[in-house]
């Protein structure tokens, strides 16, 4: 994670965005105080076919119930309250 003053950021916008594009997060400061953070855009994991397949398998497993859970799970179920 890099730190850059606002003056340095203004003078080197292209270089700053090149760092962000490479995956680095930059903290922008004014008078030593962080005022902003510039970071790469997050990718939506559901767009990844491998992740989506694993997620759907996991979700289907939850519909069948939690393996090994043979007793009531909630406080109300356990205590009858």
PDB file of N, CA and C in Angstrom:
ATOM      1  N   UNK A   1       0.847  -1.157   0.000  1.00  0.00           N
ATOM      2  CA  UNK A   1       0.000   0.000   0.000  1.00  0.00           C
ATOM      3  C   UNK A   1       0.895   1.223   0.000  1.00  0.00           C
ATOM      4  N   UNK A   2       0.651   2.116  -0.940  1.00  0.00           N
ATOM      5  CA  UNK A   2       1.457   3.309  -1.045  1.00  0.00           C
ATOM      6  C   UNK A   2       0.763   4.510  -0.443  1.00  0.00           C
ATOM      7  N   UNK A   3       1.554   5.500  -0.062  1.00  0.00           N
ATOM      8  CA  UNK A   3       1.032   6.757   0.465  1.00  0.00           C
ATOM      9  C   UNK A   3       1.568   7.863  -0.417  1.00  0.00           C
ATOM     10  N   UNK A   4       0.687   8.806  -0.767  1.00  0.00           N
ATOM     11  CA  UNK A   4       1.068   9.879  -1.672  1.00  0.00           C
ATOM     12  C   UNK A   4       0.345  11.148  -1.220  1.00  0.00           C
ATOM     13  N   UNK A   5       1.067  12.256  -1.169  1.00  0.00           N
ATOM     14  CA  UNK A   5       0.409  13.513  -0.811  1.00  0.00           C
ATOM     15  C   UNK A   5      -0.474  13.951  -1.975  1.00  0.00           C
ATOM     16  N   UNK A   6      -1.437  14.798  -1.684  1.00  0.00           N
ATOM     17  CA  UNK A   6      -2.334  15.256  -2.740  1.00  0.00           C
ATOM     18  C   UNK A   6      -1.568  16.051  -3.792  1.00  0.00           C
ATOM     19  N   UNK A   7      -0.559  16.776  -3.370  1.00  0.00           N
ATOM     20  CA  UNK A   7       0.254  17.551  -4.316  1.00  0.00           C
ATOM     21  C   UNK A   7       1.012  16.602  -5.247  1.00  0.00           C
ATOM     22  N   UNK A   8       1.603  15.553  -4.670  1.00  0.00           N
ATOM     23  CA  UNK A   8       2.323  14.552  -5.468  1.00  0.00           C
ATOM     24  C   UNK A   8       1.355  13.814  -6.402  1.00  0.00           C
ATOM     25  N   UNK A   9       0.160  13.512  -5.884  1.00  0.00           N
ATOM     26  CA  UNK A   9      -0.843  12.837  -6.697  1.00  0.00           C
ATOM     27  C   UNK A   9      -1.228  13.702  -7.891  1.00  0.00           C
ATOM     28  N   UNK A  10      -1.492  14.982  -7.658  1.00  0.00           N
ATOM     29  CA  UNK A  10      -1.865  15.886  -8.749  1.00  0.00           C
ATOM     30  C   UNK A  10      -0.762  16.006  -9.793  1.00  0.00           C
ATOM     31  N   UNK A  11       0.475  15.996  -9.353  1.00  0.00           N
ATOM     32  CA  UNK A  11       1.593  16.135 -10.283  1.00  0.00           C
ATOM     33  C   UNK A  11       1.872  14.850 -11.054  1.00  0.00           C
ATOM     34  N   UNK A  12       1.450  13.698 -10.508  1.00  0.00           N
ATOM     35  CA  UNK A  12       1.774  12.416 -11.122  1.00  0.00           C
ATOM     36  C   UNK A  12       0.544  11.507 -11.233  1.00  0.00           C
ATOM     37  N   UNK A  13      -0.542  12.054 -11.734  1.00  0.00           N
ATOM     38  CA  UNK A  13      -1.787  11.287 -11.810  1.00  0.00           C
ATOM     39  C   UNK A  13      -1.590  10.008 -12.618  1.00  0.00           C
ATOM     40  N   UNK A  14      -0.939  10.104 -13.765  1.00  0.00           N
ATOM     41  CA  UNK A  14      -0.741   8.918 -14.610  1.00  0.00           C
ATOM     42  C   UNK A  14       0.060   7.844 -13.895  1.00  0.00           C
ATOM     43  N   UNK A  15       1.109   8.233 -13.211  1.00  0.00           N
ATOM     44  CA  UNK A  15       1.929   7.258 -12.482  1.00  0.00           C
ATOM     45  C   UNK A  15       1.132   6.635 -11.340  1.00  0.00           C
ATOM     46  N   UNK A  16       0.315   7.446 -10.670  1.00  0.00           N
ATOM     47  CA  UNK A  16      -0.499   6.924  -9.568  1.00  0.00           C
ATOM     48  C   UNK A  16      -1.475   5.882 -10.080  1.00  0.00           C
ATOM     49  N   UNK A  17      -2.151   6.191 -11.188  1.00  0.00           N
ATOM     50  CA  UNK A  17      -3.112   5.235 -11.722  1.00  0.00           C
ATOM     51  C   UNK A  17      -2.432   4.008 -12.313  1.00  0.00           C
ATOM     52  N   UNK A  18      -1.203   4.142 -12.762  1.00  0.00           N
ATOM     53  CA  UNK A  18      -0.455   2.969 -13.233  1.00  0.00           C
ATOM     54  C   UNK A  18      -0.204   2.017 -12.061  1.00  0.00           C
ATOM     55  N   UNK A  19       0.101   2.575 -10.888  1.00  0.00           N
ATOM     56  CA  UNK A  19       0.300   1.737  -9.696  1.00  0.00           C
ATOM     57  C   UNK A  19      -0.998   1.040  -9.305  1.00  0.00           C
ATOM     58  N   UNK A  20      -2.098   1.779  -9.364  1.00  0.00           N
ATOM     59  CA  UNK A  20      -3.402   1.196  -9.019  1.00  0.00           C
ATOM     60  C   UNK A  20      -3.761   0.103 -10.014  1.00  0.00           C
ATOM     61  N   UNK A  21      -3.508   0.365 -11.269  1.00  0.00           N
ATOM     62  CA  UNK A  21      -3.790  -0.629 -12.307  1.00  0.00           C
ATOM     63  C   UNK A  21      -2.973  -1.902 -12.085  1.00  0.00           C
ATOM     64  N   UNK A  22      -1.786  -1.754 -11.520  1.00  0.00           N
ATOM     65  CA  UNK A  22      -0.932  -2.909 -11.224  1.00  0.00           C
ATOM     66  C   UNK A  22      -1.366  -3.641  -9.955  1.00  0.00           C
ATOM     67  N   UNK A  23      -2.397  -3.113  -9.274  1.00  0.00           N
ATOM     68  CA  UNK A  23      -2.929  -3.808  -8.103  1.00  0.00           C
ATOM     69  C   UNK A  23      -2.637  -3.154  -6.772  1.00  0.00           C
ATOM     70  N   UNK A  24      -1.954  -2.039  -6.776  1.00  0.00           N
ATOM     71  CA  UNK A  24      -1.584  -1.370  -5.523  1.00  0.00           C
ATOM     72  C   UNK A  24      -2.707  -0.441  -5.055  1.00  0.00           C
ATOM     73  N   UNK A  25      -2.869  -0.318  -3.759  1.00  0.00           N
ATOM     74  CA  UNK A  25      -3.807   0.643  -3.175  1.00  0.00           C
ATOM     75  C   UNK A  25      -3.000   1.846  -2.720  1.00  0.00           C
ATOM     76  N   UNK A  26      -3.479   3.043  -3.066  1.00  0.00           N
ATOM     77  CA  UNK A  26      -2.794   4.276  -2.682  1.00  0.00           C
ATOM     78  C   UNK A  26      -3.630   5.047  -1.677  1.00  0.00           C
ATOM     79  N   UNK A  27      -2.969   5.531  -0.626  1.00  0.00           N
ATOM     80  CA  UNK A  27      -3.623   6.436   0.312  1.00  0.00           C
ATOM     81  C   UNK A  27      -3.161   7.840  -0.036  1.00  0.00           C
ATOM     82  N   UNK A  28      -4.120   8.740  -0.203  1.00  0.00           N
ATOM     83  CA  UNK A  28      -3.815  10.126  -0.554  1.00  0.00           C
ATOM     84  C   UNK A  28      -3.944  10.958   0.725  1.00  0.00           C
ATOM     85  N   UNK A  29      -2.912  11.769   0.995  1.00  0.00           N
ATOM     86  CA  UNK A  29      -2.894  12.547   2.232  1.00  0.00           C
ATOM     87  C   UNK A  29      -2.897  14.046   1.953  1.00  0.00           C
ATOM     88  N   UNK A  30      -3.436  14.798   2.916  1.00  0.00           N
ATOM     89  CA  UNK A  30      -3.348  16.259   2.924  1.00  0.00           C
ATOM     90  C   UNK A  30      -2.910  16.637   4.327  1.00  0.00           C
ATOM     91  N   UNK A  31      -1.824  17.337   4.433  1.00  0.00           N
ATOM     92  CA  UNK A  31      -1.253  17.729   5.732  1.00  0.00           C
ATOM     93  C   UNK A  31      -1.040  16.520   6.644  1.00  0.00           C
ATOM     94  N   UNK A  32      -0.622  15.412   6.051  1.00  0.00           N
ATOM     95  CA  UNK A  32      -0.306  14.215   6.817  1.00  0.00           C
ATOM     96  C   UNK A  32      -1.505  13.349   7.189  1.00  0.00           C
ATOM     97  N   UNK A  33      -2.710  13.786   6.867  1.00  0.00           N
ATOM     98  CA  UNK A  33      -3.918  13.039   7.188  1.00  0.00           C
ATOM     99  C   UNK A  33      -4.464  12.367   5.928  1.00  0.00           C
ATOM    100  N   UNK A  34      -4.809  11.097   6.030  1.00  0.00           N
ATOM    101  CA  UNK A  34      -5.362  10.377   4.887  1.00  0.00           C
ATOM    102  C   UNK A  34      -6.740  10.943   4.587  1.00  0.00           C
ATOM    103  N   UNK A  35      -6.942  11.349   3.319  1.00  0.00           N
ATOM    104  CA  UNK A  35      -8.242  11.905   2.922  1.00  0.00           C
ATOM    105  C   UNK A  35      -8.938  11.029   1.886  1.00  0.00           C
ATOM    106  N   UNK A  36      -8.186  10.125   1.258  1.00  0.00           N
ATOM    107  CA  UNK A  36      -8.801   9.268   0.242  1.00  0.00           C
ATOM    108  C   UNK A  36      -7.955   8.019   0.050  1.00  0.00           C
ATOM    109  N   UNK A  37      -8.603   7.038  -0.520  1.00  0.00           N
ATOM    110  CA  UNK A  37      -7.924   5.800  -0.861  1.00  0.00           C
ATOM    111  C   UNK A  37      -8.300   5.465  -2.299  1.00  0.00           C
ATOM    112  N   UNK A  38      -7.314   5.185  -3.115  1.00  0.00           N
ATOM    113  CA  UNK A  38      -7.557   4.798  -4.503  1.00  0.00           C
ATOM    114  C   UNK A  38      -7.112   3.355  -4.624  1.00  0.00           C
ATOM    115  N   UNK A  39      -8.053   2.500  -5.051  1.00  0.00           N
ATOM    116  CA  UNK A  39      -7.751   1.074  -5.110  1.00  0.00           C
ATOM    117  C   UNK A  39      -8.280   0.491  -6.405  1.00  0.00           C
ATOM    118  N   UNK A  40      -7.736  -0.666  -6.800  1.00  0.00           N
ATOM    119  CA  UNK A  40      -8.243  -1.330  -8.003  1.00  0.00           C
ATOM    120  C   UNK A  40      -9.694  -1.758  -7.796  1.00  0.00           C
ATOM    121  N   UNK A  41     -10.434  -1.828  -8.875  1.00  0.00           N
ATOM    122  CA  UNK A  41     -11.818  -2.268  -8.790  1.00  0.00           C
ATOM    123  C   UNK A  41     -11.864  -3.736  -8.395  1.00  0.00           C
ATOM    124  N   UNK A  42     -12.797  -4.066  -7.518  1.00  0.00           N
ATOM    125  CA  UNK A  42     -12.980  -5.462  -7.133  1.00  0.00           C
ATOM    126  C   UNK A  42     -13.657  -6.219  -8.257  1.00  0.00           C
ATOM    127  N   UNK A  43     -13.213  -7.425  -8.461  1.00  0.00           N
ATOM    128  CA  UNK A  43     -13.852  -8.273  -9.457  1.00  0.00           C
ATOM    129  C   UNK A  43     -14.992  -9.033  -8.782  1.00  0.00           C
ATOM    130  N   UNK A  44     -16.082  -9.222  -9.507  1.00  0.00           N
ATOM    131  CA  UNK A  44     -17.209  -9.980  -8.986  1.00  0.00           C
ATOM    132  C   UNK A  44     -16.857 -11.457  -9.079  1.00  0.00           C
ATOM    133  N   UNK A  45     -16.765 -12.126  -7.938  1.00  0.00           N
ATOM    134  CA  UNK A  45     -16.348 -13.533  -7.937  1.00  0.00           C
ATOM    135  C   UNK A  45     -17.368 -14.425  -8.619  1.00  0.00           C
ATOM    136  N   UNK A  46     -18.622 -14.007  -8.673  1.00  0.00           N
ATOM    137  CA  UNK A  46     -19.639 -14.832  -9.310  1.00  0.00           C
ATOM    138  C   UNK A  46     -19.459 -14.874 -10.831  1.00  0.00           C
ATOM    139  N   UNK A  47     -18.641 -13.993 -11.381  1.00  0.00           N
ATOM    140  CA  UNK A  47     -18.344 -14.031 -12.819  1.00  0.00           C
ATOM    141  C   UNK A  47     -17.335 -15.122 -13.155  1.00  0.00           C
ATOM    142  N   UNK A  48     -16.649 -15.645 -12.138  1.00  0.00           N
ATOM    143  CA  UNK A  48     -15.673 -16.718 -12.334  1.00  0.00           C
ATOM    144  C   UNK A  48     -16.425 -18.051 -12.354  1.00  0.00           C
ATOM    145  N   UNK A  49     -16.411 -18.770 -13.491  1.00  0.00           N
ATOM    146  CA  UNK A  49     -17.188 -20.011 -13.604  1.00  0.00           C
ATOM    147  C   UNK A  49     -16.802 -21.064 -12.564  1.00  0.00           C
ATOM    148  N   UNK A  50     -15.532 -21.171 -12.235  1.00  0.00           N
ATOM    149  CA  UNK A  50     -15.082 -22.156 -11.256  1.00  0.00           C
ATOM    150  C   UNK A  50     -15.638 -21.832  -9.870  1.00  0.00           C
ATOM    151  N   UNK A  51     -15.557 -20.559  -9.469  1.00  0.00           N
ATOM    152  CA  UNK A  51     -16.085 -20.145  -8.172  1.00  0.00           C
ATOM    153  C   UNK A  51     -17.594 -20.347  -8.131  1.00  0.00           C
ATOM    154  N   UNK A  52     -18.278 -19.960  -9.212  1.00  0.00           N
ATOM    155  CA  UNK A  52     -19.742 -20.084  -9.252  1.00  0.00           C
ATOM    156  C   UNK A  52     -20.180 -21.546  -9.097  1.00  0.00           C
ATOM    157  N   UNK A  53     -19.475 -22.461  -9.761  1.00  0.00           N
ATOM    158  CA  UNK A  53     -19.817 -23.885  -9.660  1.00  0.00           C
ATOM    159  C   UNK A  53     -19.646 -24.373  -8.223  1.00  0.00           C
ATOM    160  N   UNK A  54     -18.562 -23.975  -7.568  1.00  0.00           N
ATOM    161  CA  UNK A  54     -18.336 -24.380  -6.177  1.00  0.00           C
ATOM    162  C   UNK A  54     -19.389 -23.778  -5.255  1.00  0.00           C
ATOM    163  N   UNK A  55     -19.757 -22.522  -5.507  1.00  0.00           N
ATOM    164  CA  UNK A  55     -20.766 -21.864  -4.687  1.00  0.00           C
ATOM    165  C   UNK A  55     -22.119 -22.567  -4.820  1.00  0.00           C
ATOM    166  N   UNK A  56     -22.488 -22.902  -6.049  1.00  0.00           N
ATOM    167  CA  UNK A  56     -23.773 -23.565  -6.265  1.00  0.00           C
ATOM    168  C   UNK A  56     -23.803 -24.950  -5.618  1.00  0.00           C
ATOM    169  N   UNK A  57     -22.675 -25.659  -5.657  1.00  0.00           N
ATOM    170  CA  UNK A  57     -22.594 -26.958  -4.996  1.00  0.00           C
ATOM    171  C   UNK A  57     -22.755 -26.786  -3.488  1.00  0.00           C
ATOM    172  N   UNK A  58     -22.114 -25.778  -2.931  1.00  0.00           N
ATOM    173  CA  UNK A  58     -22.217 -25.475  -1.508  1.00  0.00           C
ATOM    174  C   UNK A  58     -23.661 -25.132  -1.142  1.00  0.00           C
ATOM    175  N   UNK A  59     -24.315 -24.289  -1.944  1.00  0.00           N
ATOM    176  CA  UNK A  59     -25.698 -23.884  -1.671  1.00  0.00           C
ATOM    177  C   UNK A  59     -26.641 -25.083  -1.725  1.00  0.00           C
ATOM    178  N   UNK A  60     -26.425 -25.989  -2.670  1.00  0.00           N
ATOM    179  CA  UNK A  60     -27.247 -27.203  -2.750  1.00  0.00           C
ATOM    180  C   UNK A  60     -27.053 -28.067  -1.501  1.00  0.00           C
ATOM    181  N   UNK A  61     -25.830 -28.145  -1.025  1.00  0.00           N
ATOM    182  CA  UNK A  61     -25.545 -28.910   0.187  1.00  0.00           C
ATOM    183  C   UNK A  61     -26.265 -28.346   1.399  1.00  0.00           C
ATOM    184  N   UNK A  62     -26.390 -27.020   1.470  1.00  0.00           N
ATOM    185  CA  UNK A  62     -27.095 -26.408   2.587  1.00  0.00           C
ATOM    186  C   UNK A  62     -28.579 -26.755   2.574  1.00  0.00           C
ATOM    187  N   UNK A  63     -29.138 -26.919   1.379  1.00  0.00           N
ATOM    188  CA  UNK A  63     -30.555 -27.285   1.289  1.00  0.00           C
ATOM    189  C   UNK A  63     -30.802 -28.669   1.875  1.00  0.00           C
ATOM    190  N   UNK A  64     -29.789 -29.534   1.804  1.00  0.00           N
ATOM    191  CA  UNK A  64     -29.904 -30.890   2.345  1.00  0.00           C
ATOM    192  C   UNK A  64     -29.704 -30.915   3.856  1.00  0.00           C
ATOM    193  N   UNK A  65     -29.144 -29.855   4.392  1.00  0.00           N
ATOM    194  CA  UNK A  65     -28.904 -29.777   5.835  1.00  0.00           C
ATOM    195  C   UNK A  65     -27.422 -29.847   6.141  1.00  0.00           C
ATOM    196  N   UNK A  66     -27.097 -29.525   7.365  1.00  0.00           N
ATOM    197  CA  UNK A  66     -25.702 -29.515   7.798  1.00  0.00           C
ATOM    198  C   UNK A  66     -25.325 -30.927   8.234  1.00  0.00           C
ATOM    199  N   UNK A  67     -24.281 -31.509   7.628  1.00  0.00           N
ATOM    200  CA  UNK A  67     -23.878 -32.857   8.017  1.00  0.00           C
ATOM    201  C   UNK A  67     -23.505 -32.931   9.494  1.00  0.00           C
ATOM    202  N   UNK A  68     -23.957 -33.981  10.163  1.00  0.00           N
ATOM    203  CA  UNK A  68     -23.607 -34.180  11.562  1.00  0.00           C
ATOM    204  C   UNK A  68     -24.511 -33.463  12.537  1.00  0.00           C
ATOM    205  N   UNK A  69     -25.400 -32.617  12.043  1.00  0.00           N
ATOM    206  CA  UNK A  69     -26.298 -31.892  12.942  1.00  0.00           C
ATOM    207  C   UNK A  69     -27.534 -32.751  13.175  1.00  0.00           C
ATOM    208  N   UNK A  70     -27.604 -33.376  14.351  1.00  0.00           N
ATOM    209  CA  UNK A  70     -28.712 -34.292  14.640  1.00  0.00           C
ATOM    210  C   UNK A  70     -29.632 -33.752  15.719  1.00  0.00           C
ATOM    211  N   UNK A  71     -29.245 -32.664  16.373  1.00  0.00           N
ATOM    212  CA  UNK A  71     -30.058 -32.100  17.450  1.00  0.00           C
ATOM    213  C   UNK A  71     -30.570 -30.724  17.013  1.00  0.00           C
ATOM    214  N   UNK A  72     -31.525 -30.179  17.729  1.00  0.00           N
ATOM    215  CA  UNK A  72     -32.006 -28.831  17.410  1.00  0.00           C
ATOM    216  C   UNK A  72     -30.853 -27.828  17.434  1.00  0.00           C
ATOM    217  N   UNK A  73     -30.908 -26.853  16.546  1.00  0.00           N
ATOM    218  CA  UNK A  73     -29.784 -25.947  16.388  1.00  0.00           C
ATOM    219  C   UNK A  73     -29.978 -24.603  17.067  1.00  0.00           C
ATOM    220  N   UNK A  74     -31.184 -24.076  17.134  1.00  0.00           N
ATOM    221  CA  UNK A  74     -31.368 -22.741  17.688  1.00  0.00           C
ATOM    222  C   UNK A  74     -31.578 -22.803  19.194  1.00  0.00           C
ATOM    223  N   UNK A  75     -31.402 -21.682  19.830  1.00  0.00           N
ATOM    224  CA  UNK A  75     -31.616 -21.591  21.274  1.00  0.00           C
ATOM    225  C   UNK A  75     -33.057 -21.971  21.615  1.00  0.00           C
ATOM    226  N   UNK A  76     -33.996 -21.462  20.825  1.00  0.00           N
ATOM    227  CA  UNK A  76     -35.399 -21.743  21.074  1.00  0.00           C
ATOM    228  C   UNK A  76     -35.689 -23.233  20.936  1.00  0.00           C
ATOM    229  N   UNK A  77     -35.113 -23.874  19.937  1.00  0.00           N
ATOM    230  CA  UNK A  77     -35.316 -25.313  19.746  1.00  0.00           C
ATOM    231  C   UNK A  77     -34.712 -26.131  20.887  1.00  0.00           C
ATOM    232  N   UNK A  78     -33.562 -25.692  21.383  1.00  0.00           N
ATOM    233  CA  UNK A  78     -32.895 -26.425  22.454  1.00  0.00           C
ATOM    234  C   UNK A  78     -33.609 -26.254  23.803  1.00  0.00           C
ATOM    235  N   UNK A  79     -34.159 -25.073  24.059  1.00  0.00           N
ATOM    236  CA  UNK A  79     -34.722 -24.795  25.367  1.00  0.00           C
ATOM    237  C   UNK A  79     -36.243 -24.882  25.404  1.00  0.00           C
ATOM    238  N   UNK A  80     -36.881 -24.891  24.242  1.00  0.00           N
ATOM    239  CA  UNK A  80     -38.333 -24.922  24.187  1.00  0.00           C
ATOM    240  C   UNK A  80     -38.977 -23.598  24.540  1.00  0.00           C
ATOM    241  N   UNK A  81     -38.229 -22.519  24.506  1.00  0.00           N
ATOM    242  CA  UNK A  81     -38.748 -21.187  24.863  1.00  0.00           C
ATOM    243  C   UNK A  81     -39.189 -20.420  23.659  1.00  0.00           C
TER     244      UNK A  81
END
